[in-house]
Amino acid sequence: MVELPDELEFGTQQEPHKWLPSLASFEAAWSSGRHALAIMTPETQALLRERGVPMFPLAQGARRVVVANFPKASP
């Protein structure tokens, strides 16, 4: 979770290490070398791409995109 915890605020208070308070902190965690997946809006994906953040799309709908920070394995 990044920036606004919304209805998950109670959870972020219980486990604050699972919440990223800014997009900059997301970028740092995303580039840490650990494999990760993220669900975001297409607008957020476009913004991060403009910033040069490496993302590999896995699935996309009208409202959300699922991306990985590692390429899919070849069959």
PDB file of N, CA and C in Angstrom:
ATOM      1  N   MET A   1       0.833  -1.159   0.000  1.00  0.00           N
ATOM      2  CA  MET A   1       0.000   0.000   0.000  1.00  0.00           C
ATOM      3  C   MET A   1       0.889   1.237   0.000  1.00  0.00           C
ATOM      4  N   VAL A   2       0.509   2.188  -0.829  1.00  0.00           N
ATOM      5  CA  VAL A   2       1.322   3.394  -0.979  1.00  0.00           C
ATOM      6  C   VAL A   2       0.454   4.633  -0.749  1.00  0.00           C
ATOM      7  N   GLU A   3       0.990   5.568  -0.042  1.00  0.00           N
ATOM      8  CA  GLU A   3       0.429   6.891   0.251  1.00  0.00           C
ATOM      9  C   GLU A   3      -0.820   6.866   1.122  1.00  0.00           C
ATOM     10  N   LEU A   4      -1.990   6.613   0.586  1.00  0.00           N
ATOM     11  CA  LEU A   4      -3.233   6.750   1.341  1.00  0.00           C
ATOM     12  C   LEU A   4      -3.753   5.388   1.809  1.00  0.00           C
ATOM     13  N   PRO A   5      -3.745   5.135   3.115  1.00  0.00           N
ATOM     14  CA  PRO A   5      -4.205   3.840   3.595  1.00  0.00           C
ATOM     15  C   PRO A   5      -5.719   3.645   3.519  1.00  0.00           C
ATOM     16  N   ASP A   6      -6.485   4.738   3.438  1.00  0.00           N
ATOM     17  CA  ASP A   6      -7.950   4.669   3.355  1.00  0.00           C
ATOM     18  C   ASP A   6      -8.518   3.721   4.396  1.00  0.00           C
ATOM     19  N   GLU A   7      -9.320   2.740   3.947  1.00  0.00           N
ATOM     20  CA  GLU A   7      -9.997   1.845   4.883  1.00  0.00           C
ATOM     21  C   GLU A   7      -9.049   0.858   5.561  1.00  0.00           C
ATOM     22  N   LEU A   8      -7.795   0.812   5.125  1.00  0.00           N
ATOM     23  CA  LEU A   8      -6.829  -0.097   5.740  1.00  0.00           C
ATOM     24  C   LEU A   8      -5.930   0.608   6.753  1.00  0.00           C
ATOM     25  N   GLU A   9      -6.344   1.774   7.201  1.00  0.00           N
ATOM     26  CA  GLU A   9      -5.541   2.548   8.141  1.00  0.00           C
ATOM     27  C   GLU A   9      -5.257   1.773   9.429  1.00  0.00           C
ATOM     28  N   PHE A  10      -6.248   1.061   9.952  1.00  0.00           N
ATOM     29  CA  PHE A  10      -6.024   0.275  11.169  1.00  0.00           C
ATOM     30  C   PHE A  10      -4.888  -0.721  10.948  1.00  0.00           C
ATOM     31  N   GLY A  11      -4.885  -1.389   9.817  1.00  0.00           N
ATOM     32  CA  GLY A  11      -3.828  -2.353   9.512  1.00  0.00           C
ATOM     33  C   GLY A  11      -2.459  -1.709   9.392  1.00  0.00           C
ATOM     34  N   THR A  12      -2.411  -0.521   8.796  1.00  0.00           N
ATOM     35  CA  THR A  12      -1.122   0.164   8.682  1.00  0.00           C
ATOM     36  C   THR A  12      -0.593   0.604  10.046  1.00  0.00           C
ATOM     37  N   GLN A  13      -1.486   0.854  10.974  1.00  0.00           N
ATOM     38  CA  GLN A  13      -1.051   1.193  12.332  1.00  0.00           C
ATOM     39  C   GLN A  13      -0.521  -0.041  13.055  1.00  0.00           C
ATOM     40  N   GLN A  14      -1.072  -1.203  12.754  1.00  0.00           N
ATOM     41  CA  GLN A  14      -0.641  -2.446  13.391  1.00  0.00           C
ATOM     42  C   GLN A  14       0.666  -2.962  12.798  1.00  0.00           C
ATOM     43  N   GLU A  15       0.822  -2.799  11.484  1.00  0.00           N
ATOM     44  CA  GLU A  15       2.017  -3.281  10.790  1.00  0.00           C
ATOM     45  C   GLU A  15       2.538  -2.183   9.858  1.00  0.00           C
ATOM     46  N   PRO A  16       3.116  -1.130  10.432  1.00  0.00           N
ATOM     47  CA  PRO A  16       3.529   0.012   9.621  1.00  0.00           C
ATOM     48  C   PRO A  16       4.609  -0.313   8.595  1.00  0.00           C
ATOM     49  N   HIS A  17       5.358  -1.382   8.800  1.00  0.00           N
ATOM     50  CA  HIS A  17       6.397  -1.772   7.848  1.00  0.00           C
ATOM     51  C   HIS A  17       5.815  -2.284   6.529  1.00  0.00           C
ATOM     52  N   LYS A  18       4.515  -2.537   6.475  1.00  0.00           N
ATOM     53  CA  LYS A  18       3.872  -3.009   5.242  1.00  0.00           C
ATOM     54  C   LYS A  18       3.236  -1.875   4.454  1.00  0.00           C
ATOM     55  N   TRP A  19       3.458  -0.636   4.893  1.00  0.00           N
ATOM     56  CA  TRP A  19       2.873   0.519   4.234  1.00  0.00           C
ATOM     57  C   TRP A  19       3.987   1.432   3.765  1.00  0.00           C
ATOM     58  N   LEU A  20       3.870   1.942   2.546  1.00  0.00           N
ATOM     59  CA  LEU A  20       4.851   2.878   2.010  1.00  0.00           C
ATOM     60  C   LEU A  20       4.206   4.258   1.944  1.00  0.00           C
ATOM     61  N   PRO A  21       4.750   5.222   2.666  1.00  0.00           N
ATOM     62  CA  PRO A  21       4.086   6.516   2.793  1.00  0.00           C
ATOM     63  C   PRO A  21       4.145   7.421   1.568  1.00  0.00           C
ATOM     64  N   SER A  22       4.982   7.084   0.579  1.00  0.00           N
ATOM     65  CA  SER A  22       5.089   7.955  -0.598  1.00  0.00           C
ATOM     66  C   SER A  22       5.443   7.135  -1.836  1.00  0.00           C
ATOM     67  N   LEU A  23       5.229   7.742  -2.977  1.00  0.00           N
ATOM     68  CA  LEU A  23       5.591   7.089  -4.231  1.00  0.00           C
ATOM     69  C   LEU A  23       7.107   6.911  -4.317  1.00  0.00           C
ATOM     70  N   ALA A  24       7.853   7.857  -3.761  1.00  0.00           N
ATOM     71  CA  ALA A  24       9.316   7.730  -3.731  1.00  0.00           C
ATOM     72  C   ALA A  24       9.751   6.509  -2.916  1.00  0.00           C
ATOM     73  N   SER A  25       9.073   6.250  -1.800  1.00  0.00           N
ATOM     74  CA  SER A  25       9.419   5.066  -1.000  1.00  0.00           C
ATOM     75  C   SER A  25       9.030   3.788  -1.738  1.00  0.00           C
ATOM     76  N   PHE A  26       7.946   3.844  -2.529  1.00  0.00           N
ATOM     77  CA  PHE A  26       7.581   2.696  -3.370  1.00  0.00           C
ATOM     78  C   PHE A  26       8.694   2.422  -4.381  1.00  0.00           C
ATOM     79  N   GLU A  27       9.170   3.474  -5.042  1.00  0.00           N
ATOM     80  CA  GLU A  27      10.225   3.311  -6.047  1.00  0.00           C
ATOM     81  C   GLU A  27      11.474   2.680  -5.429  1.00  0.00           C
ATOM     82  N   ALA A  28      11.844   3.110  -4.238  1.00  0.00           N
ATOM     83  CA  ALA A  28      13.016   2.541  -3.566  1.00  0.00           C
ATOM     84  C   ALA A  28      12.799   1.064  -3.239  1.00  0.00           C
ATOM     85  N   ALA A  29      11.638   0.727  -2.696  1.00  0.00           N
ATOM     86  CA  ALA A  29      11.340  -0.671  -2.364  1.00  0.00           C
ATOM     87  C   ALA A  29      11.266  -1.525  -3.630  1.00  0.00           C
ATOM     88  N   TRP A  30      10.674  -0.970  -4.685  1.00  0.00           N
ATOM     89  CA  TRP A  30      10.505  -1.678  -5.953  1.00  0.00           C
ATOM     90  C   TRP A  30      11.858  -2.028  -6.566  1.00  0.00           C
ATOM     91  N   SER A  31      12.832  -1.167  -6.357  1.00  0.00           N
ATOM     92  CA  SER A  31      14.163  -1.353  -6.946  1.00  0.00           C
ATOM     93  C   SER A  31      15.145  -2.034  -6.001  1.00  0.00           C
ATOM     94  N   SER A  32      14.646  -2.590  -4.906  1.00  0.00           N
ATOM     95  CA  SER A  32      15.517  -3.172  -3.875  1.00  0.00           C
ATOM     96  C   SER A  32      16.152  -4.497  -4.271  1.00  0.00           C
ATOM     97  N   GLY A  33      15.680  -5.121  -5.335  1.00  0.00           N
ATOM     98  CA  GLY A  33      16.206  -6.412  -5.735  1.00  0.00           C
ATOM     99  C   GLY A  33      15.309  -7.575  -5.350  1.00  0.00           C
ATOM    100  N   ARG A  34      14.359  -7.340  -4.456  1.00  0.00           N
ATOM    101  CA  ARG A  34      13.408  -8.394  -4.072  1.00  0.00           C
ATOM    102  C   ARG A  34      12.305  -8.461  -5.116  1.00  0.00           C
ATOM    103  N   HIS A  35      11.912  -9.661  -5.500  1.00  0.00           N
ATOM    104  CA  HIS A  35      10.801  -9.814  -6.444  1.00  0.00           C
ATOM    105  C   HIS A  35       9.523  -9.281  -5.812  1.00  0.00           C
ATOM    106  N   ALA A  36       8.751  -8.538  -6.614  1.00  0.00           N
ATOM    107  CA  ALA A  36       7.522  -7.949  -6.096  1.00  0.00           C
ATOM    108  C   ALA A  36       6.484  -7.819  -7.206  1.00  0.00           C
ATOM    109  N   LEU A  37       5.224  -7.789  -6.805  1.00  0.00           N
ATOM    110  CA  LEU A  37       4.090  -7.528  -7.690  1.00  0.00           C
ATOM    111  C   LEU A  37       3.369  -6.308  -7.154  1.00  0.00           C
ATOM    112  N   ALA A  38       2.704  -5.577  -8.043  1.00  0.00           N
ATOM    113  CA  ALA A  38       1.936  -4.411  -7.611  1.00  0.00           C
ATOM    114  C   ALA A  38       0.676  -4.297  -8.453  1.00  0.00           C
ATOM    115  N   ILE A  39      -0.359  -3.779  -7.837  1.00  0.00           N
ATOM    116  CA  ILE A  39      -1.618  -3.471  -8.518  1.00  0.00           C
ATOM    117  C   ILE A  39      -1.779  -1.959  -8.445  1.00  0.00           C
ATOM    118  N   MET A  40      -2.006  -1.332  -9.589  1.00  0.00           N
ATOM    119  CA  MET A  40      -2.101   0.122  -9.636  1.00  0.00           C
ATOM    120  C   MET A  40      -3.005   0.568 -10.772  1.00  0.00           C
ATOM    121  N   THR A  41      -3.305   1.846 -10.786  1.00  0.00           N
ATOM    122  CA  THR A  41      -4.092   2.395 -11.888  1.00  0.00           C
ATOM    123  C   THR A  41      -3.197   2.553 -13.111  1.00  0.00           C
ATOM    124  N   PRO A  42      -3.784   2.559 -14.298  1.00  0.00           N
ATOM    125  CA  PRO A  42      -2.984   2.810 -15.497  1.00  0.00           C
ATOM    126  C   PRO A  42      -2.266   4.164 -15.443  1.00  0.00           C
ATOM    127  N   GLU A  43      -2.870   5.146 -14.785  1.00  0.00           N
ATOM    128  CA  GLU A  43      -2.241   6.462 -14.663  1.00  0.00           C
ATOM    129  C   GLU A  43      -0.964   6.400 -13.814  1.00  0.00           C
ATOM    130  N   THR A  44      -1.018   5.648 -12.728  1.00  0.00           N
ATOM    131  CA  THR A  44       0.172   5.490 -11.888  1.00  0.00           C
ATOM    132  C   THR A  44       1.255   4.739 -12.640  1.00  0.00           C
ATOM    133  N   GLN A  45       0.868   3.713 -13.377  1.00  0.00           N
ATOM    134  CA  GLN A  45       1.843   2.972 -14.176  1.00  0.00           C
ATOM    135  C   GLN A  45       2.518   3.905 -15.181  1.00  0.00           C
ATOM    136  N   ALA A  46       1.745   4.744 -15.857  1.00  0.00           N
ATOM    137  CA  ALA A  46       2.303   5.674 -16.839  1.00  0.00           C
ATOM    138  C   ALA A  46       3.282   6.642 -16.173  1.00  0.00           C
ATOM    139  N   LEU A  47       2.922   7.163 -14.988  1.00  0.00           N
ATOM    140  CA  LEU A  47       3.795   8.073 -14.262  1.00  0.00           C
ATOM    141  C   LEU A  47       5.107   7.397 -13.899  1.00  0.00           C
ATOM    142  N   LEU A  48       5.029   6.178 -13.389  1.00  0.00           N
ATOM    143  CA  LEU A  48       6.240   5.454 -13.002  1.00  0.00           C
ATOM    144  C   LEU A  48       7.095   5.108 -14.215  1.00  0.00           C
ATOM    145  N   ARG A  49       6.466   4.772 -15.326  1.00  0.00           N
ATOM    146  CA  ARG A  49       7.234   4.520 -16.561  1.00  0.00           C
ATOM    147  C   ARG A  49       7.981   5.770 -16.999  1.00  0.00           C
ATOM    148  N   GLU A  50       7.312   6.927 -16.922  1.00  0.00           N
ATOM    149  CA  GLU A  50       7.966   8.193 -17.272  1.00  0.00           C
ATOM    150  C   GLU A  50       9.184   8.438 -16.395  1.00  0.00           C
ATOM    151  N   ARG A  51       9.131   7.984 -15.164  1.00  0.00           N
ATOM    152  CA  ARG A  51      10.260   8.132 -14.231  1.00  0.00           C
ATOM    153  C   ARG A  51      11.329   7.062 -14.442  1.00  0.00           C
ATOM    154  N   GLY A  52      11.097   6.133 -15.353  1.00  0.00           N
ATOM    155  CA  GLY A  52      12.075   5.092 -15.645  1.00  0.00           C
ATOM    156  C   GLY A  52      12.035   3.900 -14.717  1.00  0.00           C
ATOM    157  N   VAL A  53      10.940   3.733 -13.995  1.00  0.00           N
ATOM    158  CA  VAL A  53      10.812   2.593 -13.078  1.00  0.00           C
ATOM    159  C   VAL A  53      10.525   1.332 -13.909  1.00  0.00           C
ATOM    160  N   PRO A  54      11.358   0.291 -13.783  1.00  0.00           N
ATOM    161  CA  PRO A  54      11.141  -0.924 -14.579  1.00  0.00           C
ATOM    162  C   PRO A  54       9.914  -1.698 -14.097  1.00  0.00           C
ATOM    163  N   MET A  55       9.017  -1.995 -15.029  1.00  0.00           N
ATOM    164  CA  MET A  55       7.805  -2.755 -14.708  1.00  0.00           C
ATOM    165  C   MET A  55       7.504  -3.690 -15.858  1.00  0.00           C
ATOM    166  N   PHE A  56       7.056  -4.876 -15.520  1.00  0.00           N
ATOM    167  CA  PHE A  56       6.675  -5.868 -16.510  1.00  0.00           C
ATOM    168  C   PHE A  56       5.196  -6.179 -16.324  1.00  0.00           C
ATOM    169  N   PRO A  57       4.348  -5.760 -17.263  1.00  0.00           N
ATOM    170  CA  PRO A  57       2.900  -5.977 -17.127  1.00  0.00           C
ATOM    171  C   PRO A  57       2.542  -7.456 -17.134  1.00  0.00           C
ATOM    172  N   LEU A  58       1.641  -7.841 -16.245  1.00  0.00           N
ATOM    173  CA  LEU A  58       1.152  -9.219 -16.179  1.00  0.00           C
ATOM    174  C   LEU A  58      -0.316  -9.311 -16.564  1.00  0.00           C
ATOM    175  N   ALA A  59      -1.095  -8.300 -16.191  1.00  0.00           N
ATOM    176  CA  ALA A  59      -2.530  -8.293 -16.502  1.00  0.00           C
ATOM    177  C   ALA A  59      -3.019  -6.849 -16.461  1.00  0.00           C
ATOM    178  N   GLN A  60      -4.078  -6.586 -17.234  1.00  0.00           N
ATOM    179  CA  GLN A  60      -4.636  -5.241 -17.236  1.00  0.00           C
ATOM    180  C   GLN A  60      -6.126  -5.285 -17.472  1.00  0.00           C
ATOM    181  N   GLY A  61      -6.842  -4.484 -16.709  1.00  0.00           N
ATOM    182  CA  GLY A  61      -8.267  -4.276 -16.894  1.00  0.00           C
ATOM    183  C   GLY A  61      -8.493  -2.796 -17.130  1.00  0.00           C
ATOM    184  N   ALA A  62      -9.729  -2.383 -17.130  1.00  0.00           N
ATOM    185  CA  ALA A  62     -10.046  -0.977 -17.369  1.00  0.00           C
ATOM    186  C   ALA A  62      -9.579  -0.077 -16.223  1.00  0.00           C
ATOM    187  N   ARG A  63      -9.580  -0.598 -14.990  1.00  0.00           N
ATOM    188  CA  ARG A  63      -9.264   0.231 -13.827  1.00  0.00           C
ATOM    189  C   ARG A  63      -7.943  -0.084 -13.142  1.00  0.00           C
ATOM    190  N   ARG A  64      -7.375  -1.254 -13.379  1.00  0.00           N
ATOM    191  CA  ARG A  64      -6.163  -1.656 -12.665  1.00  0.00           C
ATOM    192  C   ARG A  64      -5.189  -2.385 -13.595  1.00  0.00           C
ATOM    193  N   VAL A  65      -3.918  -2.309 -13.222  1.00  0.00           N
ATOM    194  CA  VAL A  65      -2.840  -2.995 -13.933  1.00  0.00           C
ATOM    195  C   VAL A  65      -2.061  -3.795 -12.889  1.00  0.00           C
ATOM    196  N   VAL A  66      -1.667  -5.011 -13.240  1.00  0.00           N
ATOM    197  CA  VAL A  66      -0.819  -5.818 -12.369  1.00  0.00           C
ATOM    198  C   VAL A  66       0.555  -5.863 -13.032  1.00  0.00           C
ATOM    199  N   VAL A  67       1.585  -5.468 -12.283  1.00  0.00           N
ATOM    200  CA  VAL A  67       2.939  -5.448 -12.811  1.00  0.00           C
ATOM    201  C   VAL A  67       3.891  -6.170 -11.865  1.00  0.00           C
ATOM    202  N   ALA A  68       5.024  -6.595 -12.420  1.00  0.00           N
ATOM    203  CA  ALA A  68       6.080  -7.224 -11.637  1.00  0.00           C
ATOM    204  C   ALA A  68       7.348  -6.399 -11.827  1.00  0.00           C
ATOM    205  N   ASN A  69       8.267  -6.543 -10.905  1.00  0.00           N
ATOM    206  CA  ASN A  69       9.561  -5.875 -11.075  1.00  0.00           C
ATOM    207  C   ASN A  69      10.615  -6.830 -11.620  1.00  0.00           C
ATOM    208  N   PHE A  70      10.157  -7.929 -12.201  1.00  0.00           N
ATOM    209  CA  PHE A  70      11.038  -8.926 -12.814  1.00  0.00           C
ATOM    210  C   PHE A  70      10.319  -9.474 -14.050  1.00  0.00           C
ATOM    211  N   PRO A  71      11.071  -9.879 -15.061  1.00  0.00           N
ATOM    212  CA  PRO A  71      10.416 -10.415 -16.273  1.00  0.00           C
ATOM    213  C   PRO A  71       9.820 -11.804 -16.030  1.00  0.00           C
ATOM    214  N   LYS A  72       8.805 -12.113 -16.818  1.00  0.00           N
ATOM    215  CA  LYS A  72       8.221 -13.452 -16.735  1.00  0.00           C
ATOM    216  C   LYS A  72       9.242 -14.466 -17.211  1.00  0.00           C
ATOM    217  N   ALA A  73       9.217 -15.649 -16.603  1.00  0.00           N
ATOM    218  CA  ALA A  73      10.114 -16.713 -17.011  1.00  0.00           C
ATOM    219  C   ALA A  73       9.709 -17.225 -18.387  1.00  0.00           C
ATOM    220  N   SER A  74      10.679 -17.577 -19.184  1.00  0.00           N
ATOM    221  CA  SER A  74      10.410 -18.138 -20.505  1.00  0.00           C
ATOM    222  C   SER A  74       9.910 -19.559 -20.365  1.00  0.00           C
ATOM    223  N   PRO A  75       8.965 -19.968 -21.217  1.00  0.00           N
ATOM    224  CA  PRO A  75       8.440 -21.346 -21.130  1.00  0.00           C
ATOM    225  C   PRO A  75       9.444 -22.383 -21.569  1.00  0.00           C
TER     226      PRO A  75
END
